[in-house]
Amino acid sequence: MKREDRDIYKGILDAQEGNRPCALATVVDTRGSTPRKNGAKMLVDPAVGLVGTVGGGCGEAEVIAAAEETFKSGEPCVVQVNLTDD
């Protein structure tokens, strides 16, 4: 197992032990040249910050914003990031 994955899973356990919400983002499909490929993960934990990355930049900011909405609604979501848009 990669160190990044271990860190993410440890972060999930830490959040669970601390009884606080967190969100796990996972890249499920890519096309063309992308900074990260399928399976890349990022944990969003408001108390700790981010663990891992799903690509950085504006696309990652969209994923973080969606995670924040998920904390409010409790509903999972799929975020489609288009790296060709401005």
N, C-alpha and C. Protein backbone atom coordinates (compact mmCIF):
# COMPACT_ATOMS: atom_id res chain seq x y z
N MET A 1 0.84 -1.18 0.00
CA MET A 1 0.00 0.00 0.00
C MET A 1 0.89 1.24 0.00
N LYS A 2 0.50 2.21 -0.80
CA LYS A 2 1.25 3.46 -0.88
C LYS A 2 1.12 4.25 0.42
N ARG A 3 2.16 5.03 0.71
CA ARG A 3 2.15 5.85 1.93
C ARG A 3 0.97 6.82 1.93
N GLU A 4 0.68 7.42 0.77
CA GLU A 4 -0.43 8.38 0.69
C GLU A 4 -1.75 7.70 1.08
N ASP A 5 -1.96 6.48 0.60
CA ASP A 5 -3.18 5.74 0.95
C ASP A 5 -3.22 5.46 2.45
N ARG A 6 -2.09 5.05 3.02
CA ARG A 6 -2.04 4.80 4.47
C ARG A 6 -2.41 6.07 5.25
N ASP A 7 -1.88 7.21 4.80
CA ASP A 7 -2.18 8.48 5.47
C ASP A 7 -3.67 8.80 5.39
N ILE A 8 -4.27 8.55 4.24
CA ILE A 8 -5.70 8.82 4.08
C ILE A 8 -6.52 7.91 4.98
N TYR A 9 -6.22 6.62 4.99
CA TYR A 9 -6.98 5.70 5.83
C TYR A 9 -6.78 6.01 7.30
N LYS A 10 -5.59 6.42 7.69
CA LYS A 10 -5.34 6.83 9.07
C LYS A 10 -6.17 8.07 9.39
N GLY A 11 -6.25 9.00 8.43
CA GLY A 11 -7.06 10.20 8.63
C GLY A 11 -8.53 9.88 8.82
N ILE A 12 -9.04 8.89 8.07
CA ILE A 12 -10.43 8.47 8.22
C ILE A 12 -10.66 7.90 9.61
N LEU A 13 -9.74 7.05 10.05
CA LEU A 13 -9.86 6.47 11.40
C LEU A 13 -9.79 7.53 12.48
N ASP A 14 -8.88 8.50 12.31
CA ASP A 14 -8.74 9.58 13.28
C ASP A 14 -10.04 10.39 13.36
N ALA A 15 -10.64 10.69 12.20
CA ALA A 15 -11.90 11.44 12.18
C ALA A 15 -13.01 10.64 12.86
N GLN A 16 -13.04 9.35 12.58
CA GLN A 16 -14.06 8.50 13.20
C GLN A 16 -13.89 8.48 14.72
N GLU A 17 -12.65 8.32 15.18
CA GLU A 17 -12.39 8.30 16.62
C GLU A 17 -12.73 9.64 17.26
N GLY A 18 -12.54 10.73 16.50
CA GLY A 18 -12.86 12.06 17.00
C GLY A 18 -14.31 12.44 16.79
N ASN A 19 -15.09 11.52 16.23
CA ASN A 19 -16.52 11.74 15.98
C ASN A 19 -16.76 13.02 15.18
N ARG A 20 -15.95 13.21 14.12
CA ARG A 20 -16.12 14.39 13.28
C ARG A 20 -16.28 13.94 11.83
N PRO A 21 -17.01 14.72 11.05
CA PRO A 21 -17.23 14.34 9.65
C PRO A 21 -15.98 14.56 8.80
N CYS A 22 -15.86 13.75 7.78
CA CYS A 22 -14.84 13.96 6.77
C CYS A 22 -15.40 13.44 5.45
N ALA A 23 -14.78 13.81 4.36
CA ALA A 23 -15.24 13.36 3.04
C ALA A 23 -14.05 12.77 2.29
N LEU A 24 -14.30 11.67 1.62
CA LEU A 24 -13.27 11.03 0.81
C LEU A 24 -13.61 11.25 -0.66
N ALA A 25 -12.72 11.91 -1.37
CA ALA A 25 -12.88 12.12 -2.81
C ALA A 25 -11.97 11.15 -3.54
N THR A 26 -12.51 10.51 -4.58
CA THR A 26 -11.75 9.53 -5.35
C THR A 26 -11.94 9.81 -6.84
N VAL A 27 -10.85 9.86 -7.59
CA VAL A 27 -10.94 10.01 -9.04
C VAL A 27 -11.44 8.68 -9.60
N VAL A 28 -12.57 8.72 -10.31
CA VAL A 28 -13.16 7.49 -10.83
C VAL A 28 -13.04 7.35 -12.34
N ASP A 29 -12.74 8.44 -13.05
CA ASP A 29 -12.60 8.36 -14.50
C ASP A 29 -11.80 9.56 -14.98
N THR A 30 -10.92 9.33 -15.92
CA THR A 30 -10.16 10.43 -16.51
C THR A 30 -10.13 10.25 -18.02
N ARG A 31 -9.91 11.37 -18.70
CA ARG A 31 -9.72 11.36 -20.15
C ARG A 31 -8.57 12.30 -20.47
N GLY A 32 -7.73 11.88 -21.37
CA GLY A 32 -6.62 12.74 -21.78
C GLY A 32 -5.57 12.88 -20.70
N SER A 33 -4.86 13.99 -20.78
CA SER A 33 -3.77 14.26 -19.85
C SER A 33 -4.35 14.87 -18.57
N THR A 34 -4.15 14.19 -17.45
CA THR A 34 -4.65 14.67 -16.17
C THR A 34 -3.54 14.58 -15.13
N PRO A 35 -3.59 15.47 -14.12
CA PRO A 35 -2.55 15.43 -13.10
C PRO A 35 -2.58 14.16 -12.25
N ARG A 36 -3.76 13.57 -12.06
CA ARG A 36 -3.89 12.34 -11.29
C ARG A 36 -4.77 11.38 -12.08
N LYS A 37 -4.61 10.11 -11.84
CA LYS A 37 -5.33 9.08 -12.58
C LYS A 37 -6.38 8.41 -11.69
N ASN A 38 -7.15 7.50 -12.28
CA ASN A 38 -8.17 6.77 -11.55
C ASN A 38 -7.60 6.19 -10.26
N GLY A 39 -8.38 6.31 -9.20
CA GLY A 39 -7.96 5.77 -7.91
C GLY A 39 -7.30 6.79 -7.00
N ALA A 40 -6.89 7.95 -7.54
CA ALA A 40 -6.29 8.98 -6.68
C ALA A 40 -7.32 9.42 -5.64
N LYS A 41 -6.87 9.65 -4.42
CA LYS A 41 -7.79 9.98 -3.32
C LYS A 41 -7.34 11.23 -2.58
N MET A 42 -8.34 11.88 -1.98
CA MET A 42 -8.08 13.03 -1.12
C MET A 42 -9.11 13.00 0.00
N LEU A 43 -8.64 13.16 1.22
CA LEU A 43 -9.53 13.25 2.38
C LEU A 43 -9.70 14.71 2.74
N VAL A 44 -10.95 15.13 2.88
CA VAL A 44 -11.27 16.49 3.31
C VAL A 44 -11.78 16.39 4.74
N ASP A 45 -10.98 16.92 5.67
CA ASP A 45 -11.34 16.90 7.09
C ASP A 45 -11.26 18.34 7.58
N PRO A 46 -12.41 18.98 7.82
CA PRO A 46 -12.40 20.39 8.21
C PRO A 46 -11.54 20.69 9.43
N ALA A 47 -11.40 19.73 10.34
CA ALA A 47 -10.62 19.96 11.55
C ALA A 47 -9.12 19.85 11.31
N VAL A 48 -8.73 19.08 10.28
CA VAL A 48 -7.31 18.79 10.04
C VAL A 48 -6.82 19.41 8.74
N GLY A 49 -7.67 19.45 7.74
CA GLY A 49 -7.28 19.94 6.41
C GLY A 49 -7.38 18.82 5.40
N LEU A 50 -6.52 18.88 4.40
CA LEU A 50 -6.54 17.91 3.31
C LEU A 50 -5.44 16.87 3.50
N VAL A 51 -5.75 15.65 3.13
CA VAL A 51 -4.75 14.59 3.08
C VAL A 51 -4.82 14.01 1.68
N GLY A 52 -3.73 14.04 0.95
CA GLY A 52 -3.72 13.56 -0.42
C GLY A 52 -4.17 14.66 -1.38
N THR A 53 -4.32 14.28 -2.66
CA THR A 53 -4.74 15.23 -3.68
C THR A 53 -5.43 14.50 -4.82
N VAL A 54 -6.37 15.20 -5.44
CA VAL A 54 -7.01 14.66 -6.63
C VAL A 54 -6.58 15.45 -7.87
N GLY A 55 -5.60 16.31 -7.71
CA GLY A 55 -5.06 17.00 -8.88
C GLY A 55 -4.65 18.43 -8.68
N GLY A 56 -5.12 19.07 -7.65
CA GLY A 56 -4.73 20.45 -7.38
C GLY A 56 -5.50 21.46 -8.21
N GLY A 57 -5.20 22.70 -7.99
CA GLY A 57 -5.77 23.79 -8.76
C GLY A 57 -7.26 23.98 -8.59
N CYS A 58 -7.86 24.57 -9.64
CA CYS A 58 -9.29 24.89 -9.61
C CYS A 58 -10.16 23.64 -9.52
N GLY A 59 -9.74 22.56 -10.17
CA GLY A 59 -10.51 21.31 -10.11
C GLY A 59 -10.60 20.79 -8.70
N GLU A 60 -9.48 20.82 -8.00
CA GLU A 60 -9.48 20.35 -6.61
C GLU A 60 -10.33 21.28 -5.75
N ALA A 61 -10.30 22.57 -6.03
CA ALA A 61 -11.13 23.52 -5.29
C ALA A 61 -12.62 23.19 -5.47
N GLU A 62 -13.01 22.76 -6.67
CA GLU A 62 -14.40 22.35 -6.90
C GLU A 62 -14.76 21.15 -6.04
N VAL A 63 -13.84 20.21 -5.93
CA VAL A 63 -14.08 19.01 -5.13
C VAL A 63 -14.19 19.38 -3.65
N ILE A 64 -13.36 20.26 -3.18
CA ILE A 64 -13.41 20.70 -1.78
C ILE A 64 -14.75 21.40 -1.50
N ALA A 65 -15.19 22.26 -2.43
CA ALA A 65 -16.48 22.94 -2.26
C ALA A 65 -17.62 21.93 -2.21
N ALA A 66 -17.56 20.91 -3.05
CA ALA A 66 -18.60 19.87 -3.04
C ALA A 66 -18.57 19.10 -1.72
N ALA A 67 -17.38 18.85 -1.19
CA ALA A 67 -17.27 18.17 0.11
C ALA A 67 -17.92 19.00 1.20
N GLU A 68 -17.72 20.31 1.16
CA GLU A 68 -18.33 21.19 2.16
C GLU A 68 -19.85 21.14 2.07
N GLU A 69 -20.39 21.07 0.86
CA GLU A 69 -21.84 20.93 0.69
C GLU A 69 -22.32 19.58 1.21
N THR A 70 -21.51 18.54 1.01
CA THR A 70 -21.86 17.21 1.51
C THR A 70 -21.91 17.20 3.04
N PHE A 71 -21.03 17.96 3.69
CA PHE A 71 -21.08 18.05 5.15
C PHE A 71 -22.43 18.62 5.60
N LYS A 72 -22.94 19.59 4.85
CA LYS A 72 -24.21 20.23 5.20
C LYS A 72 -25.40 19.32 4.91
N SER A 73 -25.39 18.70 3.73
CA SER A 73 -26.56 17.93 3.29
C SER A 73 -26.54 16.47 3.76
N GLY A 74 -25.34 15.93 3.96
CA GLY A 74 -25.22 14.52 4.29
C GLY A 74 -25.35 13.60 3.09
N GLU A 75 -25.49 14.18 1.90
CA GLU A 75 -25.66 13.40 0.68
C GLU A 75 -24.37 13.33 -0.11
N PRO A 76 -23.95 12.14 -0.53
CA PRO A 76 -22.76 12.03 -1.38
C PRO A 76 -23.04 12.63 -2.76
N CYS A 77 -22.00 12.95 -3.49
CA CYS A 77 -22.18 13.52 -4.83
C CYS A 77 -21.03 13.11 -5.74
N VAL A 78 -21.25 13.32 -7.01
CA VAL A 78 -20.21 13.12 -8.02
C VAL A 78 -19.91 14.49 -8.60
N VAL A 79 -18.64 14.83 -8.67
CA VAL A 79 -18.21 16.12 -9.21
C VAL A 79 -17.50 15.87 -10.53
N GLN A 80 -17.97 16.49 -11.59
CA GLN A 80 -17.30 16.38 -12.88
C GLN A 80 -16.43 17.61 -13.07
N VAL A 81 -15.14 17.40 -13.23
CA VAL A 81 -14.18 18.49 -13.40
C VAL A 81 -13.69 18.48 -14.83
N ASN A 82 -13.83 19.61 -15.49
CA ASN A 82 -13.37 19.73 -16.87
C ASN A 82 -12.11 20.60 -16.86
N LEU A 83 -10.97 20.01 -17.15
CA LEU A 83 -9.70 20.74 -17.10
C LEU A 83 -9.47 21.58 -18.34
N THR A 84 -10.37 21.56 -19.31
CA THR A 84 -10.20 22.39 -20.51
C THR A 84 -10.94 23.72 -20.37
N ASP A 85 -11.79 23.86 -19.36
CA ASP A 85 -12.49 25.13 -19.13
C ASP A 85 -11.57 26.10 -18.42
N ASP A 86 -11.88 27.40 -18.58
CA ASP A 86 -11.13 28.43 -17.86
C ASP A 86 -11.50 28.43 -16.40
